Amino acid sequence: MTIGRAVSLCLRNIGGQRAGETSRTVFGQPARLGLCFGEWEERSPWPSLAERRGFDAGQDVVTVHGGKGTYPLADVNNDDPRDLAYTLAKSIAFPMNNWYLELTGDSGQLVLLVNPMWAARLGEAFPNIEDFQAYLWEWAWQPLELFRPHNQHVLLDKGRVDEQGRVRLAGRPDQFVPVVCGGLGGLHGAALTSFVQSELQSVAAGRPR
């Protein structure tokens, strides 16, 4: 929250951000004040996000994501990890996701917050995180028929529909970024959907002396 608030104050007092002028968002979201969380690396079956982004395991790293809010996820019925992964993929590919408004799905990331209980199950089925990302990408689509006729025409004109009538959410598996965090309740996850044009940025953070 301290980092998020500092960034927010910089945007306003240095960058000149003004509601209704330079900032034209329709709705606010927690990140307007500061949405920050720590990765639970010890409970993750996969390398940390920092390691996956090229940093050493011992480094303190801050990653910034241009998200457009939180999309809550919950499930108590899927004991099979692949069923859980399938349901996650379909849930994050909701029809009004920002990605469907873009000309392509080739930019931006979706950060998927996975609780430690889900992570343990998913890690058994997908010991390599790249396999989990590939599975999410494989199923994160909706049939063209799900959209209303006008939306169908727009998606077709943009070339977003493949030969099987599927509208994929993103262009590549690596655009889905799982992060293990949260508590041990085991019920909930969250998706930090993307403004699409932005890319994740990571930097090593120095410790105060």
N, C-alpha and C. Protein backbone atom coordinates (compact mmCIF):
# COMPACT_ATOMS: atom_id res chain seq x y z
N MET A 1 0.83 -1.20 0.00
CA MET A 1 0.00 0.00 0.00
C MET A 1 0.86 1.25 0.00
N THR A 2 2.00 1.21 0.71
CA THR A 2 2.91 2.36 0.73
C THR A 2 3.43 2.66 -0.68
N ILE A 3 3.84 1.60 -1.38
CA ILE A 3 4.33 1.78 -2.76
C ILE A 3 3.21 2.30 -3.65
N GLY A 4 2.04 1.69 -3.55
CA GLY A 4 0.93 2.09 -4.40
C GLY A 4 0.51 3.53 -4.16
N ARG A 5 0.47 3.92 -2.88
CA ARG A 5 0.10 5.30 -2.56
C ARG A 5 1.14 6.28 -3.07
N ALA A 6 2.42 5.92 -2.96
CA ALA A 6 3.49 6.80 -3.45
C ALA A 6 3.37 7.01 -4.96
N VAL A 7 3.12 5.92 -5.68
CA VAL A 7 2.96 6.03 -7.14
C VAL A 7 1.76 6.90 -7.47
N SER A 8 0.66 6.69 -6.73
CA SER A 8 -0.55 7.48 -6.97
C SER A 8 -0.31 8.97 -6.75
N LEU A 9 0.42 9.31 -5.68
CA LEU A 9 0.72 10.71 -5.40
C LEU A 9 1.63 11.31 -6.47
N CYS A 10 2.57 10.50 -6.98
CA CYS A 10 3.45 10.98 -8.05
C CYS A 10 2.65 11.29 -9.31
N LEU A 11 1.70 10.41 -9.63
CA LEU A 11 0.87 10.64 -10.81
C LEU A 11 0.11 11.96 -10.70
N ARG A 12 -0.38 12.26 -9.51
CA ARG A 12 -1.19 13.46 -9.34
C ARG A 12 -0.34 14.72 -9.20
N ASN A 13 0.67 14.66 -8.33
CA ASN A 13 1.41 15.87 -7.98
C ASN A 13 2.58 16.18 -8.89
N ILE A 14 3.11 15.17 -9.56
CA ILE A 14 4.21 15.38 -10.51
C ILE A 14 3.71 15.27 -11.94
N GLY A 15 2.93 14.24 -12.20
CA GLY A 15 2.45 14.02 -13.56
C GLY A 15 1.24 14.85 -13.95
N GLY A 16 0.57 15.46 -12.96
CA GLY A 16 -0.56 16.32 -13.28
C GLY A 16 -1.86 15.59 -13.56
N GLN A 17 -2.01 14.37 -13.03
CA GLN A 17 -3.24 13.63 -13.26
C GLN A 17 -4.43 14.33 -12.62
N ARG A 18 -5.52 14.47 -13.40
CA ARG A 18 -6.73 15.11 -12.90
C ARG A 18 -7.94 14.30 -13.35
N ALA A 19 -8.81 13.99 -12.38
CA ALA A 19 -10.02 13.23 -12.69
C ALA A 19 -10.87 13.99 -13.70
N GLY A 20 -11.31 13.29 -14.74
CA GLY A 20 -12.14 13.90 -15.76
C GLY A 20 -11.38 14.64 -16.83
N GLU A 21 -10.07 14.83 -16.62
CA GLU A 21 -9.25 15.53 -17.61
C GLU A 21 -8.20 14.57 -18.17
N THR A 22 -7.08 14.42 -17.46
CA THR A 22 -6.06 13.47 -17.93
C THR A 22 -6.42 12.04 -17.56
N SER A 23 -7.24 11.85 -16.55
CA SER A 23 -7.71 10.52 -16.16
C SER A 23 -9.19 10.42 -16.48
N ARG A 24 -9.55 9.60 -17.46
CA ARG A 24 -10.93 9.54 -17.93
C ARG A 24 -11.56 8.17 -17.67
N THR A 25 -11.11 7.49 -16.63
CA THR A 25 -11.71 6.20 -16.31
C THR A 25 -13.16 6.38 -15.89
N VAL A 26 -14.00 5.41 -16.25
CA VAL A 26 -15.42 5.47 -15.90
C VAL A 26 -15.63 5.08 -14.45
N PHE A 27 -14.94 4.03 -14.02
CA PHE A 27 -15.04 3.55 -12.64
C PHE A 27 -13.65 3.51 -12.02
N GLY A 28 -13.59 3.69 -10.73
CA GLY A 28 -12.34 3.52 -10.01
C GLY A 28 -12.10 2.06 -9.69
N GLN A 29 -10.96 1.77 -9.09
CA GLN A 29 -10.62 0.41 -8.68
C GLN A 29 -9.59 0.51 -7.57
N PRO A 30 -9.33 -0.58 -6.83
CA PRO A 30 -8.39 -0.50 -5.70
C PRO A 30 -7.02 0.04 -6.07
N ALA A 31 -6.55 -0.23 -7.28
CA ALA A 31 -5.21 0.21 -7.68
C ALA A 31 -5.11 1.72 -7.80
N ARG A 32 -6.23 2.42 -7.79
CA ARG A 32 -6.16 3.89 -7.79
C ARG A 32 -5.53 4.39 -6.50
N LEU A 33 -5.70 3.64 -5.44
CA LEU A 33 -5.06 3.97 -4.17
C LEU A 33 -3.76 3.18 -4.01
N GLY A 34 -3.82 1.91 -4.32
CA GLY A 34 -2.63 1.07 -4.20
C GLY A 34 -3.01 -0.38 -4.01
N LEU A 35 -2.79 -1.19 -5.00
CA LEU A 35 -3.08 -2.62 -4.92
C LEU A 35 -1.75 -3.36 -4.99
N CYS A 36 -1.25 -3.78 -3.85
CA CYS A 36 0.06 -4.43 -3.79
C CYS A 36 -0.07 -5.72 -2.98
N PHE A 37 0.67 -6.73 -3.33
CA PHE A 37 0.64 -7.99 -2.59
C PHE A 37 1.97 -8.69 -2.76
N GLY A 38 2.27 -9.59 -1.85
CA GLY A 38 3.50 -10.37 -1.91
C GLY A 38 3.24 -11.77 -2.43
N GLU A 39 4.15 -12.27 -3.22
CA GLU A 39 4.06 -13.64 -3.72
C GLU A 39 4.47 -14.60 -2.60
N TRP A 40 3.74 -15.70 -2.44
CA TRP A 40 4.07 -16.71 -1.43
C TRP A 40 4.96 -17.75 -2.10
N GLU A 41 6.22 -17.41 -2.24
CA GLU A 41 7.14 -18.23 -3.02
C GLU A 41 7.32 -19.61 -2.41
N GLU A 42 7.30 -19.70 -1.07
CA GLU A 42 7.53 -20.99 -0.41
C GLU A 42 6.42 -21.99 -0.69
N ARG A 43 5.23 -21.52 -1.02
CA ARG A 43 4.09 -22.40 -1.29
C ARG A 43 3.86 -22.61 -2.79
N SER A 44 4.74 -22.08 -3.59
CA SER A 44 4.56 -22.20 -5.04
C SER A 44 5.28 -23.44 -5.57
N PRO A 45 4.62 -24.24 -6.40
CA PRO A 45 5.28 -25.38 -7.02
C PRO A 45 6.15 -24.99 -8.21
N TRP A 46 6.13 -23.71 -8.56
CA TRP A 46 6.86 -23.23 -9.72
C TRP A 46 7.89 -22.17 -9.29
N PRO A 47 8.83 -21.85 -10.16
CA PRO A 47 9.75 -20.75 -9.85
C PRO A 47 8.98 -19.46 -9.61
N SER A 48 9.55 -18.59 -8.80
CA SER A 48 8.89 -17.32 -8.50
C SER A 48 8.74 -16.49 -9.77
N LEU A 49 7.85 -15.51 -9.70
CA LEU A 49 7.68 -14.61 -10.85
C LEU A 49 8.98 -13.91 -11.18
N ALA A 50 9.73 -13.49 -10.15
CA ALA A 50 11.00 -12.80 -10.38
C ALA A 50 11.98 -13.70 -11.14
N GLU A 51 12.08 -14.97 -10.72
CA GLU A 51 12.99 -15.89 -11.41
C GLU A 51 12.55 -16.12 -12.85
N ARG A 52 11.23 -16.23 -13.06
CA ARG A 52 10.73 -16.42 -14.42
C ARG A 52 10.99 -15.20 -15.30
N ARG A 53 11.24 -14.05 -14.65
CA ARG A 53 11.51 -12.83 -15.40
C ARG A 53 12.99 -12.50 -15.44
N GLY A 54 13.83 -13.49 -15.05
CA GLY A 54 15.26 -13.35 -15.27
C GLY A 54 16.08 -12.89 -14.09
N PHE A 55 15.46 -12.77 -12.90
CA PHE A 55 16.20 -12.33 -11.72
C PHE A 55 16.66 -13.54 -10.91
N ASP A 56 17.61 -13.32 -10.00
CA ASP A 56 18.10 -14.37 -9.13
C ASP A 56 17.11 -14.60 -7.99
N ALA A 57 17.13 -15.82 -7.44
CA ALA A 57 16.19 -16.18 -6.38
C ALA A 57 16.36 -15.30 -5.14
N GLY A 58 17.58 -14.84 -4.86
CA GLY A 58 17.83 -14.05 -3.67
C GLY A 58 17.52 -12.58 -3.80
N GLN A 59 17.16 -12.11 -4.98
CA GLN A 59 16.88 -10.69 -5.17
C GLN A 59 15.46 -10.33 -4.76
N ASP A 60 15.32 -9.12 -4.23
CA ASP A 60 13.99 -8.55 -4.00
C ASP A 60 13.57 -7.81 -5.26
N VAL A 61 12.43 -8.19 -5.80
CA VAL A 61 11.99 -7.67 -7.10
C VAL A 61 10.57 -7.15 -6.98
N VAL A 62 10.32 -6.00 -7.57
CA VAL A 62 8.98 -5.43 -7.66
C VAL A 62 8.53 -5.50 -9.12
N THR A 63 7.34 -6.02 -9.34
CA THR A 63 6.77 -6.10 -10.68
C THR A 63 5.49 -5.27 -10.73
N VAL A 64 5.35 -4.46 -11.76
CA VAL A 64 4.19 -3.59 -11.94
C VAL A 64 3.36 -4.11 -13.12
N HIS A 65 2.06 -4.18 -12.89
CA HIS A 65 1.13 -4.68 -13.91
C HIS A 65 0.05 -3.64 -14.18
N GLY A 66 -0.18 -3.34 -15.45
CA GLY A 66 -1.23 -2.39 -15.83
C GLY A 66 -2.58 -3.08 -15.88
N GLY A 67 -3.10 -3.41 -14.72
CA GLY A 67 -4.38 -4.11 -14.65
C GLY A 67 -5.55 -3.15 -14.62
N LYS A 68 -6.73 -3.67 -14.89
CA LYS A 68 -7.92 -2.82 -14.88
C LYS A 68 -8.90 -3.25 -13.78
N GLY A 69 -8.36 -3.81 -12.71
CA GLY A 69 -9.20 -4.21 -11.60
C GLY A 69 -9.07 -5.70 -11.31
N THR A 70 -9.79 -6.15 -10.31
CA THR A 70 -9.74 -7.55 -9.92
C THR A 70 -11.01 -8.26 -10.36
N TYR A 71 -10.83 -9.49 -10.84
CA TYR A 71 -11.96 -10.32 -11.26
C TYR A 71 -11.96 -11.54 -10.34
N PRO A 72 -12.91 -11.64 -9.39
CA PRO A 72 -12.88 -12.72 -8.41
C PRO A 72 -13.26 -14.06 -9.01
N LEU A 73 -12.62 -15.10 -8.50
CA LEU A 73 -12.86 -16.48 -8.94
C LEU A 73 -13.07 -17.34 -7.70
N ALA A 74 -13.97 -18.31 -7.77
CA ALA A 74 -14.20 -19.20 -6.63
C ALA A 74 -14.68 -20.55 -7.12
N ASP A 75 -14.25 -21.61 -6.43
CA ASP A 75 -14.70 -22.96 -6.78
C ASP A 75 -14.47 -23.89 -5.59
N VAL A 76 -15.47 -24.75 -5.31
CA VAL A 76 -15.33 -25.78 -4.28
C VAL A 76 -15.63 -27.17 -4.83
N ASN A 77 -15.85 -27.28 -6.13
CA ASN A 77 -16.34 -28.53 -6.71
C ASN A 77 -15.31 -29.31 -7.51
N ASN A 78 -14.27 -28.65 -8.00
CA ASN A 78 -13.31 -29.31 -8.88
C ASN A 78 -12.16 -29.90 -8.09
N ASP A 79 -12.21 -31.22 -7.87
CA ASP A 79 -11.09 -31.89 -7.20
C ASP A 79 -10.00 -32.23 -8.19
N ASP A 80 -10.37 -32.45 -9.45
CA ASP A 80 -9.39 -32.78 -10.48
C ASP A 80 -8.68 -31.49 -10.91
N PRO A 81 -7.34 -31.45 -10.86
CA PRO A 81 -6.63 -30.21 -11.19
C PRO A 81 -6.84 -29.75 -12.62
N ARG A 82 -7.02 -30.68 -13.55
CA ARG A 82 -7.26 -30.27 -14.94
C ARG A 82 -8.65 -29.68 -15.10
N ASP A 83 -9.62 -30.20 -14.36
CA ASP A 83 -10.95 -29.59 -14.38
C ASP A 83 -10.88 -28.18 -13.81
N LEU A 84 -10.10 -28.01 -12.75
CA LEU A 84 -9.94 -26.68 -12.16
C LEU A 84 -9.27 -25.74 -13.15
N ALA A 85 -8.21 -26.21 -13.80
CA ALA A 85 -7.51 -25.38 -14.77
C ALA A 85 -8.42 -25.01 -15.94
N TYR A 86 -9.23 -25.96 -16.40
CA TYR A 86 -10.18 -25.69 -17.49
C TYR A 86 -11.17 -24.60 -17.09
N THR A 87 -11.71 -24.72 -15.87
CA THR A 87 -12.69 -23.74 -15.40
C THR A 87 -12.06 -22.37 -15.23
N LEU A 88 -10.81 -22.33 -14.77
CA LEU A 88 -10.10 -21.05 -14.68
C LEU A 88 -9.95 -20.42 -16.06
N ALA A 89 -9.57 -21.23 -17.05
CA ALA A 89 -9.36 -20.71 -18.40
C ALA A 89 -10.65 -20.12 -18.96
N LYS A 90 -11.77 -20.83 -18.78
CA LYS A 90 -13.04 -20.33 -19.30
C LYS A 90 -13.51 -19.09 -18.55
N SER A 91 -13.19 -19.02 -17.26
CA SER A 91 -13.63 -17.88 -16.45
C SER A 91 -12.88 -16.61 -16.81
N ILE A 92 -11.59 -16.72 -17.07
CA ILE A 92 -10.83 -15.51 -17.41
C ILE A 92 -11.11 -15.04 -18.84
N ALA A 93 -11.66 -15.92 -19.66
CA ALA A 93 -12.01 -15.53 -21.04
C ALA A 93 -13.45 -15.04 -21.11
N PHE A 94 -13.87 -14.25 -20.12
CA PHE A 94 -15.25 -13.77 -20.12
C PHE A 94 -15.47 -12.83 -21.30
N PRO A 95 -16.68 -12.82 -21.87
CA PRO A 95 -16.90 -12.14 -23.16
C PRO A 95 -16.62 -10.64 -23.17
N MET A 96 -16.69 -9.97 -22.01
CA MET A 96 -16.44 -8.53 -22.00
C MET A 96 -15.04 -8.19 -21.50
N ASN A 97 -14.13 -9.15 -21.59
CA ASN A 97 -12.74 -8.89 -21.28
C ASN A 97 -12.17 -7.87 -22.26
N ASN A 98 -11.33 -6.97 -21.75
CA ASN A 98 -10.72 -5.94 -22.59
C ASN A 98 -10.03 -6.50 -23.83
N TRP A 99 -9.46 -7.70 -23.71
CA TRP A 99 -8.70 -8.26 -24.82
C TRP A 99 -9.54 -8.42 -26.09
N TYR A 100 -10.83 -8.67 -25.92
CA TYR A 100 -11.68 -8.85 -27.10
C TYR A 100 -11.95 -7.55 -27.84
N LEU A 101 -11.58 -6.42 -27.23
CA LEU A 101 -11.77 -5.13 -27.90
C LEU A 101 -10.58 -4.76 -28.78
N GLU A 102 -9.49 -5.50 -28.65
CA GLU A 102 -8.26 -5.15 -29.35
C GLU A 102 -8.21 -5.74 -30.76
N LEU A 103 -7.35 -5.16 -31.59
CA LEU A 103 -7.18 -5.69 -32.94
C LEU A 103 -6.58 -7.08 -32.92
N THR A 104 -5.67 -7.32 -31.99
CA THR A 104 -5.08 -8.65 -31.82
C THR A 104 -5.03 -8.96 -30.32
N GLY A 105 -4.65 -10.17 -30.00
CA GLY A 105 -4.45 -10.54 -28.60
C GLY A 105 -2.98 -10.68 -28.27
N ASP A 106 -2.12 -9.99 -29.01
CA ASP A 106 -0.69 -10.25 -28.93
C ASP A 106 0.07 -9.39 -27.93
N SER A 107 -0.58 -8.49 -27.21
CA SER A 107 0.13 -7.66 -26.23
C SER A 107 -0.56 -7.76 -24.88
N GLY A 108 0.20 -7.43 -23.83
CA GLY A 108 -0.35 -7.43 -22.48
C GLY A 108 -0.31 -8.80 -21.82
N GLN A 109 -0.56 -8.81 -20.52
CA GLN A 109 -0.61 -10.03 -19.75
C GLN A 109 -1.85 -10.04 -18.84
N LEU A 110 -2.27 -11.23 -18.47
CA LEU A 110 -3.28 -11.42 -17.45
C LEU A 110 -2.61 -12.12 -16.29
N VAL A 111 -2.61 -11.49 -15.12
CA VAL A 111 -2.00 -12.07 -13.93
C VAL A 111 -3.07 -12.86 -13.19
N LEU A 112 -2.81 -14.15 -13.00
CA LEU A 112 -3.76 -15.04 -12.35
C LEU A 112 -3.28 -15.33 -10.94
N LEU A 113 -4.03 -14.89 -9.94
CA LEU A 113 -3.66 -15.09 -8.55
C LEU A 113 -4.21 -16.43 -8.08
N VAL A 114 -3.29 -17.33 -7.71
CA VAL A 114 -3.64 -18.70 -7.35
C VAL A 114 -3.36 -18.91 -5.87
N ASN A 115 -4.37 -19.33 -5.11
CA ASN A 115 -4.14 -19.58 -3.69
C ASN A 115 -3.27 -20.83 -3.50
N PRO A 116 -2.59 -20.96 -2.36
CA PRO A 116 -1.65 -22.08 -2.18
C PRO A 116 -2.29 -23.46 -2.28
N MET A 117 -3.56 -23.59 -1.91
CA MET A 117 -4.21 -24.90 -1.97
C MET A 117 -4.43 -25.31 -3.43
N TRP A 118 -4.90 -24.36 -4.23
CA TRP A 118 -5.03 -24.64 -5.66
C TRP A 118 -3.67 -24.90 -6.28
N ALA A 119 -2.68 -24.13 -5.87
CA ALA A 119 -1.34 -24.26 -6.45
C ALA A 119 -0.78 -25.66 -6.24
N ALA A 120 -1.00 -26.24 -5.06
CA ALA A 120 -0.50 -27.58 -4.79
C ALA A 120 -1.13 -28.59 -5.75
N ARG A 121 -2.44 -28.46 -5.98
CA ARG A 121 -3.12 -29.38 -6.90
C ARG A 121 -2.67 -29.15 -8.34
N LEU A 122 -2.62 -27.90 -8.73
CA LEU A 122 -2.22 -27.59 -10.11
C LEU A 122 -0.77 -28.00 -10.37
N GLY A 123 0.07 -27.86 -9.34
CA GLY A 123 1.47 -28.23 -9.51
C GLY A 123 1.68 -29.71 -9.75
N GLU A 124 0.78 -30.56 -9.22
CA GLU A 124 0.88 -32.00 -9.47
C GLU A 124 0.57 -32.32 -10.92
N ALA A 125 -0.41 -31.64 -11.49
CA ALA A 125 -0.79 -31.89 -12.89
C ALA A 125 0.11 -31.16 -13.86
N PHE A 126 0.63 -30.01 -13.43
CA PHE A 126 1.46 -29.18 -14.30
C PHE A 126 2.75 -28.81 -13.55
N PRO A 127 3.68 -29.75 -13.39
CA PRO A 127 4.91 -29.44 -12.65
C PRO A 127 5.74 -28.34 -13.30
N ASN A 128 5.62 -28.18 -14.60
CA ASN A 128 6.28 -27.09 -15.31
C ASN A 128 5.24 -25.99 -15.56
N ILE A 129 5.55 -24.79 -15.13
CA ILE A 129 4.57 -23.71 -15.25
C ILE A 129 4.23 -23.42 -16.70
N GLU A 130 5.17 -23.68 -17.61
CA GLU A 130 4.90 -23.45 -19.03
C GLU A 130 3.76 -24.35 -19.52
N ASP A 131 3.67 -25.56 -18.95
CA ASP A 131 2.58 -26.46 -19.33
C ASP A 131 1.24 -25.94 -18.83
N PHE A 132 1.24 -25.36 -17.63
CA PHE A 132 0.02 -24.76 -17.10
C PHE A 132 -0.40 -23.56 -17.94
N GLN A 133 0.55 -22.73 -18.31
CA GLN A 133 0.25 -21.57 -19.15
C GLN A 133 -0.28 -22.02 -20.51
N ALA A 134 0.30 -23.07 -21.07
CA ALA A 134 -0.16 -23.58 -22.36
C ALA A 134 -1.58 -24.12 -22.26
N TYR A 135 -1.89 -24.77 -21.13
CA TYR A 135 -3.24 -25.31 -20.95
C TYR A 135 -4.26 -24.17 -20.82
N LEU A 136 -3.90 -23.15 -20.06
CA LEU A 136 -4.80 -21.99 -19.95
C LEU A 136 -5.05 -21.37 -21.32
N TRP A 137 -3.97 -21.20 -22.08
CA TRP A 137 -4.11 -20.59 -23.42
C TRP A 137 -4.97 -21.47 -24.34
N GLU A 138 -4.79 -22.78 -24.22
CA GLU A 138 -5.53 -23.71 -25.08
C GLU A 138 -7.04 -23.58 -24.88
N TRP A 139 -7.47 -23.29 -23.64
CA TRP A 139 -8.90 -23.27 -23.35
C TRP A 139 -9.46 -21.88 -23.08
N ALA A 140 -8.63 -20.85 -23.08
CA ALA A 140 -9.12 -19.49 -22.83
C ALA A 140 -9.65 -18.88 -24.12
N TRP A 141 -10.80 -19.36 -24.53
CA TRP A 141 -11.46 -18.85 -25.73
C TRP A 141 -12.96 -19.01 -25.55
N GLN A 142 -13.70 -18.33 -26.41
CA GLN A 142 -15.15 -18.49 -26.44
C GLN A 142 -15.59 -18.72 -27.89
N PRO A 143 -16.67 -19.49 -28.09
CA PRO A 143 -17.16 -19.67 -29.46
C PRO A 143 -17.76 -18.38 -29.98
N LEU A 144 -17.59 -18.15 -31.25
CA LEU A 144 -18.10 -16.92 -31.85
C LEU A 144 -19.60 -16.76 -31.58
N GLU A 145 -20.33 -17.89 -31.52
CA GLU A 145 -21.78 -17.84 -31.33
C GLU A 145 -22.18 -17.27 -29.98
N LEU A 146 -21.23 -17.22 -29.04
CA LEU A 146 -21.55 -16.65 -27.73
C LEU A 146 -21.82 -15.16 -27.82
N PHE A 147 -21.21 -14.50 -28.80
CA PHE A 147 -21.33 -13.05 -28.94
C PHE A 147 -22.56 -12.70 -29.78
N ARG A 148 -23.11 -11.52 -29.55
CA ARG A 148 -24.26 -11.05 -30.32
C ARG A 148 -23.82 -10.72 -31.74
N PRO A 149 -24.77 -10.67 -32.71
CA PRO A 149 -24.40 -10.53 -34.12
C PRO A 149 -23.46 -9.38 -34.43
N HIS A 150 -23.72 -8.19 -33.89
CA HIS A 150 -22.84 -7.06 -34.20
C HIS A 150 -21.43 -7.31 -33.69
N ASN A 151 -21.32 -7.85 -32.47
CA ASN A 151 -20.00 -8.16 -31.93
C ASN A 151 -19.31 -9.22 -32.78
N GLN A 152 -20.06 -10.18 -33.28
CA GLN A 152 -19.49 -11.20 -34.15
C GLN A 152 -18.85 -10.58 -35.38
N HIS A 153 -19.55 -9.63 -36.00
CA HIS A 153 -19.02 -8.98 -37.20
C HIS A 153 -17.73 -8.24 -36.89
N VAL A 154 -17.69 -7.55 -35.75
CA VAL A 154 -16.49 -6.80 -35.38
C VAL A 154 -15.32 -7.75 -35.16
N LEU A 155 -15.55 -8.85 -34.47
CA LEU A 155 -14.48 -9.82 -34.21
C LEU A 155 -14.00 -10.46 -35.51
N LEU A 156 -14.91 -10.74 -36.41
CA LEU A 156 -14.53 -11.30 -37.73
C LEU A 156 -13.71 -10.29 -38.52
N ASP A 157 -14.14 -9.03 -38.51
CA ASP A 157 -13.42 -7.99 -39.25
C ASP A 157 -12.00 -7.79 -38.71
N LYS A 158 -11.83 -7.99 -37.42
CA LYS A 158 -10.50 -7.85 -36.80
C LYS A 158 -9.62 -9.07 -37.00
N GLY A 159 -10.19 -10.14 -37.53
CA GLY A 159 -9.42 -11.37 -37.68
C GLY A 159 -9.20 -12.11 -36.38
N ARG A 160 -10.09 -11.92 -35.41
CA ARG A 160 -9.92 -12.55 -34.10
C ARG A 160 -10.51 -13.96 -34.04
N VAL A 161 -11.10 -14.43 -35.12
CA VAL A 161 -11.79 -15.73 -35.10
C VAL A 161 -10.98 -16.74 -35.91
N ASP A 162 -10.68 -17.90 -35.31
CA ASP A 162 -9.89 -18.90 -36.04
C ASP A 162 -10.78 -19.75 -36.92
N GLU A 163 -10.17 -20.71 -37.61
CA GLU A 163 -10.91 -21.51 -38.59
C GLU A 163 -11.96 -22.42 -37.94
N GLN A 164 -11.86 -22.60 -36.62
CA GLN A 164 -12.84 -23.42 -35.91
C GLN A 164 -13.90 -22.58 -35.20
N GLY A 165 -13.93 -21.29 -35.49
CA GLY A 165 -14.93 -20.42 -34.90
C GLY A 165 -14.66 -20.05 -33.45
N ARG A 166 -13.40 -20.14 -33.04
CA ARG A 166 -13.03 -19.80 -31.67
C ARG A 166 -12.41 -18.40 -31.62
N VAL A 167 -12.77 -17.66 -30.58
CA VAL A 167 -12.18 -16.34 -30.37
C VAL A 167 -11.25 -16.47 -29.17
N ARG A 168 -9.96 -16.57 -29.44
CA ARG A 168 -8.98 -16.74 -28.35
C ARG A 168 -8.79 -15.42 -27.62
N LEU A 169 -8.60 -15.54 -26.31
CA LEU A 169 -8.42 -14.34 -25.51
C LEU A 169 -7.09 -13.68 -25.80
N ALA A 170 -6.01 -14.47 -25.84
CA ALA A 170 -4.67 -13.93 -26.00
C ALA A 170 -3.94 -14.66 -27.11
N GLY A 171 -2.83 -14.08 -27.53
CA GLY A 171 -2.09 -14.64 -28.64
C GLY A 171 -1.11 -15.73 -28.27
N ARG A 172 -0.63 -15.74 -26.99
CA ARG A 172 0.43 -16.67 -26.61
C ARG A 172 0.22 -17.18 -25.18
N PRO A 173 0.70 -18.37 -24.87
CA PRO A 173 0.58 -18.89 -23.50
C PRO A 173 1.29 -18.04 -22.45
N ASP A 174 2.42 -17.42 -22.80
CA ASP A 174 3.18 -16.68 -21.79
C ASP A 174 2.48 -15.40 -21.35
N GLN A 175 1.38 -15.05 -22.00
CA GLN A 175 0.62 -13.87 -21.57
C GLN A 175 -0.25 -14.16 -20.35
N PHE A 176 -0.37 -15.43 -19.97
CA PHE A 176 -1.05 -15.79 -18.74
C PHE A 176 0.02 -16.00 -17.66
N VAL A 177 -0.05 -15.22 -16.60
CA VAL A 177 1.04 -15.16 -15.61
C VAL A 177 0.50 -15.60 -14.24
N PRO A 178 0.63 -16.87 -13.88
CA PRO A 178 0.18 -17.32 -12.56
C PRO A 178 1.13 -16.84 -11.46
N VAL A 179 0.55 -16.43 -10.35
CA VAL A 179 1.31 -16.03 -9.17
C VAL A 179 0.63 -16.65 -7.95
N VAL A 180 1.39 -17.33 -7.11
CA VAL A 180 0.84 -17.96 -5.91
C VAL A 180 0.87 -16.95 -4.77
N CYS A 181 -0.31 -16.71 -4.17
CA CYS A 181 -0.41 -15.73 -3.09
C CYS A 181 -1.71 -16.00 -2.35
N GLY A 182 -2.01 -15.18 -1.36
CA GLY A 182 -3.27 -15.32 -0.64
C GLY A 182 -3.19 -16.26 0.54
N GLY A 183 -4.36 -16.58 1.11
CA GLY A 183 -4.44 -17.41 2.29
C GLY A 183 -4.71 -18.87 1.99
N LEU A 184 -5.02 -19.62 3.05
CA LEU A 184 -5.13 -21.08 2.94
C LEU A 184 -6.57 -21.56 2.91
N GLY A 185 -7.52 -20.67 2.65
CA GLY A 185 -8.92 -21.09 2.59
C GLY A 185 -9.20 -22.05 1.46
N GLY A 186 -8.48 -21.91 0.35
CA GLY A 186 -8.60 -22.85 -0.75
C GLY A 186 -9.77 -22.64 -1.68
N LEU A 187 -10.56 -21.61 -1.49
CA LEU A 187 -11.76 -21.43 -2.30
C LEU A 187 -11.58 -20.45 -3.44
N HIS A 188 -10.73 -19.46 -3.23
CA HIS A 188 -10.76 -18.29 -4.10
C HIS A 188 -9.46 -18.04 -4.84
N GLY A 189 -9.61 -17.42 -6.01
CA GLY A 189 -8.51 -16.87 -6.77
C GLY A 189 -8.96 -15.53 -7.31
N ALA A 190 -8.13 -14.91 -8.09
CA ALA A 190 -8.50 -13.64 -8.72
C ALA A 190 -7.71 -13.48 -10.00
N ALA A 191 -8.32 -12.81 -10.95
CA ALA A 191 -7.64 -12.47 -12.20
C ALA A 191 -7.46 -10.97 -12.26
N LEU A 192 -6.24 -10.54 -12.53
CA LEU A 192 -5.96 -9.13 -12.76
C LEU A 192 -5.90 -8.94 -14.26
N THR A 193 -7.04 -8.59 -14.82
CA THR A 193 -7.13 -8.46 -16.26
C THR A 193 -6.34 -7.25 -16.73
N SER A 194 -6.13 -7.14 -18.02
CA SER A 194 -5.14 -6.23 -18.56
C SER A 194 -5.76 -5.08 -19.33
N PHE A 195 -5.04 -3.94 -19.31
CA PHE A 195 -5.36 -2.87 -20.24
C PHE A 195 -4.80 -3.17 -21.63
N VAL A 196 -4.15 -4.30 -21.77
CA VAL A 196 -3.70 -4.90 -23.02
C VAL A 196 -2.50 -4.18 -23.63
N GLN A 197 -2.55 -2.87 -23.75
CA GLN A 197 -1.45 -2.16 -24.38
C GLN A 197 -0.21 -2.12 -23.51
N SER A 198 -0.36 -2.35 -22.21
CA SER A 198 0.77 -2.27 -21.28
C SER A 198 1.42 -3.65 -21.11
N GLU A 199 2.70 -3.65 -20.74
CA GLU A 199 3.45 -4.87 -20.51
C GLU A 199 3.97 -4.87 -19.07
N LEU A 200 4.05 -6.04 -18.46
CA LEU A 200 4.63 -6.17 -17.13
C LEU A 200 6.04 -5.57 -17.09
N GLN A 201 6.34 -4.87 -16.00
CA GLN A 201 7.67 -4.30 -15.80
C GLN A 201 8.19 -4.75 -14.44
N SER A 202 9.44 -5.24 -14.40
CA SER A 202 10.04 -5.71 -13.15
C SER A 202 11.38 -5.01 -12.93
N VAL A 203 11.68 -4.74 -11.66
CA VAL A 203 12.95 -4.11 -11.32
C VAL A 203 13.40 -4.64 -9.95
N ALA A 204 14.70 -4.85 -9.81
CA ALA A 204 15.24 -5.25 -8.52
C ALA A 204 15.15 -4.08 -7.55
N ALA A 205 14.70 -4.35 -6.32
CA ALA A 205 14.52 -3.31 -5.32
C ALA A 205 15.66 -3.39 -4.31
N GLY A 206 16.32 -2.27 -4.05
CA GLY A 206 17.40 -2.25 -3.08
C GLY A 206 16.85 -2.19 -1.66
N ARG A 207 17.53 -2.84 -0.73
CA ARG A 207 17.14 -2.79 0.68
C ARG A 207 17.67 -1.51 1.32
N PRO A 208 16.87 -0.87 2.18
CA PRO A 208 17.39 0.33 2.87
C PRO A 208 18.51 -0.05 3.82
N ARG A 209 19.50 0.79 3.91
CA ARG A 209 20.64 0.52 4.80
C ARG A 209 20.44 1.20 6.15
